[in-house]
Amino acid sequence: MHSSGATSIPEPVENYARETIRGPVALIGCRTTEVSHDCCEYDLAVISDEIRGNKVINVEGHSVELLYLGSDPRYHVVELHDMAILGDTDKFLLASAMKEVTHEKYRKTLSAAGRKSLIGSLLCQRKMIESEGHPAVAAMWAKLASYRFIAGVLELSGKRPMPLHELEQVRQTDSPASVADGMQAALDCIGMERATRPAISRSLEAVRELKSKEFDGKLVISKIEYLLERQMLADCYYYMGRAAAESLASKSSPFYTRYSKLIQISMDLTSDVQLLQNLQRRLFRAANASLKG
């Protein structure tokens, strides 16, 4: 953890953090880097032993996401890396944690997260194989496996995946041949060649419905619309699919069966079973190679 020099925080957001939130609070996420877009929210990590759900609020025209991380910042090495401290305790809890966590510890924690993501990809691949009687559900698990694989590769390469910027992070990552083939298989499975305005527009209403009851639903939709307006079609398509994938990952089997049409449209799924099976085999080999590496 170290405080970022690239951070520019709007005064209303900074005042809100300092005056409204009691205890340790820090700005985290892409707003502490050089890669944020105008549509990106300001992520405020709140260190608290109160169990609360994350929420998105509007602070004088700025989107702010409050992320409650628990009482010990040392358990959140990855999230708090590059944080900008806005409030601390009398005992300087965040400042002390920042000093304790070395770059080596950050890399090690990120690497462990990468292995977990790759194992998650393999589990999704297994669910894909088990769902072959339901083509839409199988295709959904294939896409989920692909997003998990990409996150794992980024984490193992030392990058913290940032959903809106993830495709750009992929572009900037050099991987060994076996992993690069898996990365290409993942992108093919996600369907990047279908990243067109009609495809995005068709999926957008389904994603809006899927996210309608989630705390960050409006924020996610506003980001999709921002990328679409700026003709960033590949990034928009990737992010929209990832947002849908994260929503669907926690649903139950009856939901998948009942809402297969919603899943099909929101994730722009292919019905080419043979293609998916071929891509899954490449993903499987690459995930195993990365885990052994």
Protein backbone atom coordinates (compact mmCIF):
# COMPACT_ATOMS: atom_id res chain seq x y z
CA MET A 1 0.00 0.00 0.00
CA HIS A 2 1.19 3.47 -0.72
CA SER A 3 -0.52 6.77 -1.23
CA SER A 4 -0.91 7.66 -4.89
CA GLY A 5 0.46 10.85 -6.37
CA ALA A 6 -1.86 10.56 -9.40
CA THR A 7 -4.97 11.29 -7.37
CA SER A 8 -7.21 14.29 -7.92
CA ILE A 9 -10.32 14.22 -5.73
CA PRO A 10 -13.19 16.67 -6.25
CA GLU A 11 -13.61 18.89 -3.21
CA PRO A 12 -17.21 17.76 -2.45
CA VAL A 13 -16.11 14.09 -2.42
CA GLU A 14 -13.14 14.85 -0.19
CA ASN A 15 -15.30 16.91 2.18
CA TYR A 16 -17.90 14.11 2.32
CA ALA A 17 -15.20 11.55 3.19
CA ARG A 18 -13.63 13.73 5.88
CA GLU A 19 -16.79 15.15 7.45
CA THR A 20 -19.46 12.47 7.06
CA ILE A 21 -17.55 9.19 7.43
CA ARG A 22 -16.22 8.58 10.91
CA GLY A 23 -12.98 6.67 11.22
CA PRO A 24 -10.53 5.42 8.60
CA VAL A 25 -11.48 6.08 4.98
CA ALA A 26 -9.40 6.03 1.79
CA LEU A 27 -9.91 6.56 -1.91
CA ILE A 28 -9.16 3.34 -3.82
CA GLY A 29 -9.77 1.90 -7.29
CA CYS A 30 -9.10 3.39 -10.69
CA ARG A 31 -9.44 6.99 -9.45
CA THR A 32 -6.05 6.55 -7.77
CA THR A 33 -4.48 5.74 -11.16
CA GLU A 34 -4.04 7.46 -14.52
CA VAL A 35 -6.58 5.25 -16.33
CA SER A 36 -9.98 6.41 -15.06
CA HIS A 37 -12.74 7.71 -17.34
CA ASP A 38 -15.17 10.53 -16.59
CA CYS A 39 -17.88 7.93 -15.93
CA CYS A 40 -15.86 6.16 -13.21
CA GLU A 41 -17.07 6.46 -9.63
CA TYR A 42 -14.95 7.44 -6.64
CA ASP A 43 -14.48 4.30 -4.53
CA LEU A 44 -14.24 5.07 -0.82
CA ALA A 45 -13.00 2.20 1.34
CA VAL A 46 -14.46 2.51 4.83
CA ILE A 47 -12.67 0.55 7.56
CA SER A 48 -15.33 -0.42 10.08
CA ASP A 49 -16.35 -3.40 12.18
CA GLU A 50 -20.00 -2.65 11.39
CA ILE A 51 -21.35 -5.08 8.82
CA ARG A 52 -22.97 -3.02 6.07
CA GLY A 53 -23.72 -3.52 2.41
CA ASN A 54 -21.81 -1.50 -0.17
CA LYS A 55 -23.77 1.36 -1.74
CA VAL A 56 -23.54 3.99 -4.46
CA ILE A 57 -24.44 7.59 -3.62
CA ASN A 58 -24.38 10.90 -5.46
CA VAL A 59 -22.24 13.66 -3.93
CA GLU A 60 -22.89 16.93 -5.76
CA GLY A 61 -22.92 15.29 -9.18
CA HIS A 62 -20.12 12.79 -8.47
CA SER A 63 -20.83 9.04 -8.19
CA VAL A 64 -19.32 7.64 -4.99
CA GLU A 65 -19.26 3.96 -4.06
CA LEU A 66 -18.92 3.19 -0.35
CA LEU A 67 -17.08 -0.10 0.20
CA TYR A 68 -17.10 -1.44 3.76
CA LEU A 69 -13.97 -3.56 4.20
CA GLY A 70 -14.02 -4.68 7.83
CA SER A 71 -11.90 -3.52 10.75
CA ASP A 72 -8.39 -4.71 9.80
CA PRO A 73 -6.89 -3.15 6.65
CA ARG A 74 -4.15 -5.79 6.54
CA TYR A 75 -6.75 -8.24 5.20
CA HIS A 76 -7.32 -5.98 2.19
CA VAL A 77 -3.85 -5.62 0.75
CA VAL A 78 -4.97 -5.71 -2.89
CA GLU A 79 -7.96 -3.38 -2.53
CA LEU A 80 -6.02 -0.77 -0.55
CA HIS A 81 -2.89 -0.78 -2.71
CA ASP A 82 -2.32 2.76 -4.06
CA MET A 83 -4.93 4.16 -1.69
CA ALA A 84 -5.13 7.85 -0.86
CA ILE A 85 -5.90 8.21 2.86
CA LEU A 86 -8.68 10.73 3.55
CA GLY A 87 -9.31 9.96 7.22
CA ASP A 88 -7.57 7.88 9.89
CA THR A 89 -7.78 6.98 13.58
CA ASP A 90 -5.80 8.59 16.40
CA LYS A 91 -3.50 5.57 16.19
CA PHE A 92 -3.03 5.99 12.41
CA LEU A 93 -4.49 2.59 11.52
CA LEU A 94 -4.33 3.09 7.74
CA ALA A 95 -0.98 4.86 7.77
CA SER A 96 0.53 2.02 9.83
CA ALA A 97 -0.94 -0.62 7.54
CA MET A 98 0.48 1.23 4.55
CA LYS A 99 3.98 1.01 6.03
CA GLU A 100 3.64 -2.67 6.91
CA VAL A 101 2.63 -3.86 3.47
CA THR A 102 5.59 -4.12 1.10
CA HIS A 103 5.39 -4.34 -2.68
CA GLU A 104 6.47 -7.98 -2.33
CA LYS A 105 3.53 -8.74 -0.04
CA TYR A 106 1.16 -7.03 -2.49
CA ARG A 107 2.49 -9.13 -5.38
CA LYS A 108 2.23 -12.32 -3.33
CA THR A 109 -1.37 -11.55 -2.32
CA LEU A 110 -2.27 -10.65 -5.91
CA SER A 111 -0.69 -13.90 -7.12
CA ALA A 112 -2.77 -15.90 -4.63
CA ALA A 113 -5.88 -14.10 -5.91
CA GLY A 114 -4.82 -15.03 -9.45
CA ARG A 115 -4.64 -18.72 -8.58
CA LYS A 116 -8.06 -18.49 -6.96
CA SER A 117 -9.49 -16.87 -10.12
CA LEU A 118 -7.99 -19.61 -12.32
CA ILE A 119 -9.47 -22.31 -10.08
CA GLY A 120 -12.76 -20.42 -10.35
CA SER A 121 -12.42 -20.59 -14.13
CA LEU A 122 -11.91 -24.35 -13.99
CA LEU A 123 -15.00 -24.74 -11.78
CA CYS A 124 -17.06 -22.71 -14.27
CA GLN A 125 -15.74 -24.91 -17.09
CA ARG A 126 -16.90 -27.99 -15.19
CA LYS A 127 -20.36 -26.42 -14.80
CA MET A 128 -20.37 -25.70 -18.53
CA ILE A 129 -19.75 -29.39 -19.27
CA GLU A 130 -22.45 -30.41 -16.76
CA SER A 131 -24.95 -28.03 -18.43
CA GLU A 132 -24.65 -29.36 -21.96
CA GLY A 133 -28.36 -30.25 -21.99
CA HIS A 134 -29.11 -26.51 -21.63
CA PRO A 135 -27.13 -24.69 -24.37
CA ALA A 136 -27.72 -21.14 -23.05
CA VAL A 137 -26.64 -22.09 -19.53
CA ALA A 138 -23.58 -23.95 -20.86
CA ALA A 139 -22.61 -20.91 -22.97
CA MET A 140 -23.09 -18.67 -19.92
CA TRP A 141 -20.69 -20.80 -17.84
CA ALA A 142 -18.19 -20.72 -20.71
CA LYS A 143 -18.22 -16.91 -20.68
CA LEU A 144 -17.97 -16.84 -16.89
CA ALA A 145 -14.98 -19.17 -17.12
CA SER A 146 -13.39 -16.83 -19.66
CA TYR A 147 -13.77 -13.71 -17.51
CA ARG A 148 -12.37 -15.57 -14.48
CA PHE A 149 -9.44 -16.83 -16.55
CA ILE A 150 -8.58 -13.33 -17.78
CA ALA A 151 -8.77 -11.92 -14.24
CA GLY A 152 -6.45 -14.70 -13.06
CA VAL A 153 -3.87 -14.04 -15.77
CA LEU A 154 -3.90 -10.31 -15.00
CA GLU A 155 -3.47 -10.95 -11.27
CA LEU A 156 -0.60 -13.37 -11.84
CA SER A 157 1.07 -10.74 -14.05
CA GLY A 158 0.90 -8.20 -11.20
CA LYS A 159 -2.16 -6.22 -12.33
CA ARG A 160 -5.27 -5.73 -10.22
CA PRO A 161 -8.23 -6.27 -12.58
CA MET A 162 -10.39 -3.15 -12.96
CA PRO A 163 -13.64 -4.18 -14.71
CA LEU A 164 -14.15 -1.09 -16.89
CA HIS A 165 -10.47 -1.01 -17.86
CA GLU A 166 -9.86 -4.76 -17.99
CA LEU A 167 -9.73 -5.09 -21.77
CA GLU A 168 -7.13 -2.31 -21.92
CA GLN A 169 -5.15 -4.15 -19.22
CA VAL A 170 -5.31 -7.28 -21.39
CA ARG A 171 -3.93 -5.32 -24.35
CA GLN A 172 -0.96 -4.25 -22.25
CA THR A 173 -0.13 -7.73 -20.88
CA ASP A 174 2.54 -9.95 -22.42
CA SER A 175 1.98 -13.63 -21.70
CA PRO A 176 3.89 -16.83 -22.51
CA ALA A 177 2.58 -18.71 -25.58
CA SER A 178 0.47 -21.25 -23.64
CA VAL A 179 -1.22 -18.51 -21.63
CA ALA A 180 -1.60 -16.23 -24.67
CA ASP A 181 -3.50 -19.01 -26.46
CA GLY A 182 -5.83 -19.30 -23.47
CA MET A 183 -6.29 -15.53 -23.44
CA GLN A 184 -7.26 -15.60 -27.12
CA ALA A 185 -9.63 -18.50 -26.47
CA ALA A 186 -11.21 -16.51 -23.61
CA LEU A 187 -11.70 -13.43 -25.81
CA ASP A 188 -13.15 -15.62 -28.59
CA CYS A 189 -15.50 -17.23 -26.07
CA ILE A 190 -16.59 -13.80 -24.79
CA GLY A 191 -17.29 -13.01 -28.45
CA MET A 192 -15.21 -9.90 -29.06
CA GLU A 193 -15.77 -10.14 -32.82
CA ARG A 194 -19.48 -9.42 -32.07
CA ALA A 195 -18.67 -6.09 -30.37
CA THR A 196 -20.97 -4.02 -32.57
CA ARG A 197 -23.43 -1.25 -31.74
CA PRO A 198 -26.51 -3.41 -32.66
CA ALA A 199 -25.28 -6.30 -30.45
CA ILE A 200 -24.59 -3.95 -27.53
CA SER A 201 -27.96 -2.18 -27.91
CA ARG A 202 -29.74 -5.54 -28.03
CA SER A 203 -28.08 -6.72 -24.81
CA LEU A 204 -28.34 -3.42 -22.94
CA GLU A 205 -32.03 -3.65 -21.99
CA ALA A 206 -31.56 -7.22 -20.74
CA VAL A 207 -28.55 -6.15 -18.63
CA ARG A 208 -30.62 -3.23 -17.31
CA GLU A 209 -33.28 -5.72 -16.19
CA LEU A 210 -30.69 -8.08 -14.74
CA LYS A 211 -29.06 -5.28 -12.70
CA SER A 212 -32.30 -3.48 -11.76
CA LYS A 213 -32.37 -4.67 -8.13
CA GLU A 214 -28.60 -4.41 -7.50
CA PHE A 215 -27.10 -1.51 -5.57
CA ASP A 216 -24.75 -0.51 -8.39
CA GLY A 217 -27.18 -1.17 -11.27
CA LYS A 218 -27.60 2.45 -12.41
CA LEU A 219 -23.85 3.06 -12.18
CA VAL A 220 -23.08 0.02 -14.36
CA ILE A 221 -25.63 1.08 -16.99
CA SER A 222 -24.25 4.64 -17.04
CA LYS A 223 -20.74 3.27 -17.73
CA ILE A 224 -22.00 1.08 -20.59
CA GLU A 225 -23.79 4.08 -22.11
CA TYR A 226 -20.67 6.24 -21.69
CA LEU A 227 -18.47 3.77 -23.60
CA LEU A 228 -21.15 3.28 -26.26
CA GLU A 229 -21.51 7.04 -26.83
CA ARG A 230 -17.75 7.31 -27.32
CA GLN A 231 -17.63 4.45 -29.84
CA MET A 232 -15.43 2.35 -27.50
CA LEU A 233 -17.34 -0.69 -28.72
CA ALA A 234 -14.88 -3.46 -27.77
CA ASP A 235 -14.41 -2.12 -24.23
CA CYS A 236 -18.16 -1.57 -23.91
CA TYR A 237 -19.04 -5.10 -25.06
CA TYR A 238 -16.42 -6.66 -22.78
CA TYR A 239 -17.50 -4.65 -19.73
CA MET A 240 -21.20 -5.25 -20.31
CA GLY A 241 -20.64 -9.01 -20.57
CA ARG A 242 -18.52 -8.96 -17.43
CA ALA A 243 -21.16 -7.02 -15.50
CA ALA A 244 -23.82 -9.52 -16.57
CA ALA A 245 -21.51 -12.42 -15.68
CA GLU A 246 -20.95 -11.10 -12.15
CA SER A 247 -24.72 -10.77 -11.63
CA LEU A 248 -25.43 -14.26 -12.95
CA ALA A 249 -22.61 -16.04 -11.08
CA SER A 250 -24.53 -15.88 -7.80
CA LYS A 251 -27.92 -17.00 -9.16
CA SER A 252 -29.43 -20.44 -8.65
CA SER A 253 -30.03 -23.28 -11.12
CA PRO A 254 -33.81 -22.66 -11.17
CA PHE A 255 -33.09 -19.02 -12.15
CA TYR A 256 -30.91 -20.16 -15.07
CA THR A 257 -33.64 -22.50 -16.31
CA ARG A 258 -36.45 -19.98 -15.86
CA TYR A 259 -34.65 -16.97 -17.32
CA SER A 260 -32.57 -18.60 -20.06
CA LYS A 261 -33.81 -16.04 -22.62
CA LEU A 262 -32.72 -13.13 -20.40
CA ILE A 263 -29.32 -14.80 -19.96
CA GLN A 264 -29.04 -15.43 -23.70
CA ILE A 265 -29.71 -11.78 -24.61
CA SER A 266 -27.83 -10.07 -21.77
CA MET A 267 -24.65 -12.02 -22.46
CA ASP A 268 -25.07 -12.22 -26.25
CA LEU A 269 -24.46 -15.96 -26.13
CA THR A 270 -23.52 -18.14 -29.08
CA SER A 271 -25.36 -21.41 -29.75
CA ASP A 272 -22.35 -23.02 -31.47
CA VAL A 273 -21.75 -25.88 -29.01
CA GLN A 274 -18.84 -27.36 -30.96
CA LEU A 275 -17.00 -24.02 -30.99
CA LEU A 276 -17.50 -23.60 -27.24
CA GLN A 277 -16.20 -27.10 -26.53
CA ASN A 278 -13.06 -26.37 -28.55
CA LEU A 279 -12.51 -23.04 -26.78
CA GLN A 280 -13.10 -24.66 -23.39
CA ARG A 281 -10.38 -27.26 -24.04
CA ARG A 282 -7.90 -24.44 -24.87
CA LEU A 283 -8.97 -22.54 -21.74
CA PHE A 284 -8.54 -25.69 -19.64
CA ARG A 285 -4.99 -26.27 -20.90
CA ALA A 286 -4.01 -22.63 -20.35
CA ALA A 287 -5.52 -22.45 -16.84
CA ASN A 288 -3.66 -25.60 -15.81
CA ALA A 289 -0.42 -24.33 -17.35
CA SER A 290 -0.77 -21.05 -15.43
CA LEU A 291 -1.46 -22.85 -12.16
CA LYS A 292 1.63 -25.04 -12.63
CA GLY A 293 3.82 -22.11 -13.68
